[in-house]
Protein backbone atom coordinates (compact mmCIF):
# COMPACT_ATOMS: atom_id res chain seq x y z
CA MET A 1 -44.25 321.80 282.23
CA LEU A 2 -41.47 319.60 280.84
CA GLU A 3 -43.74 317.03 279.24
CA CYS A 4 -41.42 315.89 276.42
CA VAL A 5 -38.40 314.60 278.28
CA GLN A 6 -37.52 313.70 281.81
CA ARG A 7 -35.22 316.10 283.57
CA ASP A 8 -32.64 313.52 284.52
CA ASN A 9 -29.04 314.48 283.72
CA LYS A 10 -28.53 311.68 281.18
CA VAL A 11 -31.40 312.83 278.95
CA LEU A 12 -30.37 316.50 279.13
CA ARG A 13 -26.74 315.62 278.33
CA GLU A 14 -27.89 313.72 275.23
CA LEU A 15 -30.06 316.68 274.13
CA LYS A 16 -27.02 318.99 274.04
CA ASP A 17 -26.06 317.28 270.75
CA TYR A 18 -29.36 318.20 269.07
CA ASP A 19 -30.49 321.41 267.44
CA LEU A 20 -33.45 323.32 268.87
CA LYS A 21 -34.60 324.11 265.32
CA ASN A 22 -34.90 320.49 264.18
CA THR A 23 -35.91 318.65 267.35
CA LYS A 24 -38.25 321.29 268.85
CA VAL A 25 -36.84 320.21 272.23
CA CYS A 26 -34.79 322.66 274.30
CA PRO A 27 -31.24 321.37 274.87
CA LYS A 28 -30.99 323.47 278.04
CA CYS A 29 -34.10 322.47 279.99
CA GLY A 30 -35.78 319.70 277.94
CA SER A 31 -39.06 321.55 277.32
CA CYS A 32 -41.03 321.10 274.09
CA ASP A 33 -42.60 324.55 274.43
CA VAL A 34 -40.60 325.97 271.51
CA VAL A 35 -41.60 328.71 269.05
CA GLY A 36 -40.02 329.70 265.74
CA VAL A 37 -39.56 333.29 264.62
CA PRO A 38 -38.79 333.55 260.89
CA GLY A 39 -35.97 335.75 259.74
CA GLY A 40 -37.01 338.64 257.58
CA VAL A 41 -36.69 342.33 257.04
CA GLU A 42 -39.72 344.53 257.39
CA GLY A 43 -40.16 347.93 255.76
CA THR A 44 -38.61 349.79 258.69
CA TYR A 45 -35.53 347.49 258.83
CA VAL A 46 -35.98 347.32 262.59
CA GLY A 47 -35.66 343.96 264.30
CA ASN A 48 -33.19 341.13 264.61
CA ASN A 49 -31.10 341.79 261.52
CA VAL A 50 -27.46 341.95 260.48
CA HIS A 51 -26.77 345.34 258.93
CA ILE A 52 -24.31 345.29 256.05
CA GLY A 53 -24.30 348.93 254.97
CA PHE A 54 -26.27 352.14 255.03
CA PHE A 55 -27.73 351.78 251.52
CA ARG A 56 -28.03 347.97 251.56
CA SER A 57 -30.87 345.92 252.96
CA PRO A 58 -30.05 344.14 256.22
CA VAL A 59 -30.14 340.34 256.42
CA GLY A 60 -32.87 338.79 258.60
CA VAL A 61 -31.96 336.43 261.45
CA ALA A 62 -34.29 333.47 262.12
CA GLN A 63 -34.75 332.26 265.70
CA HIS A 64 -36.20 329.45 267.77
CA MET A 65 -36.93 330.15 271.42
CA CYS A 66 -37.79 327.94 274.39
CA CYS A 67 -40.79 329.49 276.12
CA HIS A 68 -39.91 327.71 279.37
CA CYS A 69 -36.33 328.89 280.01
CA GLY A 70 -35.76 331.52 277.29
CA PHE A 71 -32.93 329.72 275.46
CA ILE A 72 -32.60 331.11 271.91
CA LYS A 73 -30.90 329.69 268.81
CA GLU A 74 -30.28 332.03 265.86
CA TRP A 75 -29.16 331.50 262.27
CA ILE A 76 -29.27 333.04 258.79
CA ASP A 77 -31.60 331.00 256.53
CA ASP A 78 -30.93 332.82 253.27
CA PRO A 79 -27.75 331.66 251.45
CA LYS A 80 -27.55 335.01 249.62
CA GLY A 81 -27.76 336.79 252.97
CA ARG A 82 -24.89 334.67 254.34
CA GLU A 83 -22.82 335.58 251.28
CA LYS A 84 -23.53 339.31 251.81
CA ILE A 85 -22.40 339.04 255.42
CA LYS A 86 -19.28 337.11 254.43
CA LYS A 87 -18.34 339.80 251.89
CA LYS A 88 -18.89 342.59 254.43
CA TYR A 89 -17.29 341.03 257.52
CA GLY A 90 -15.24 338.08 256.22
CA GLY A 91 -11.89 339.85 256.25
CA ARG A 92 -12.05 340.82 259.92
């Protein structure tokens, strides 16, 4: 199952410095079975979003997930979305 890297401790330690999004290699288990889920907001506003107010559109959260161990990395792709979140929650 872990075809991309060997599971020896040295290789896994080195992978901890890399990002799942860019390398497509899981830093937890070393698997290359990684999928990307784009951030976005659908019409119902249900999903993995950051809500910033009742009358404002939520900000979508992009994800990459390792299908082998379930490790997930999340981030906000949209710079305008990050600014909205900063304005809403930055003072806390």
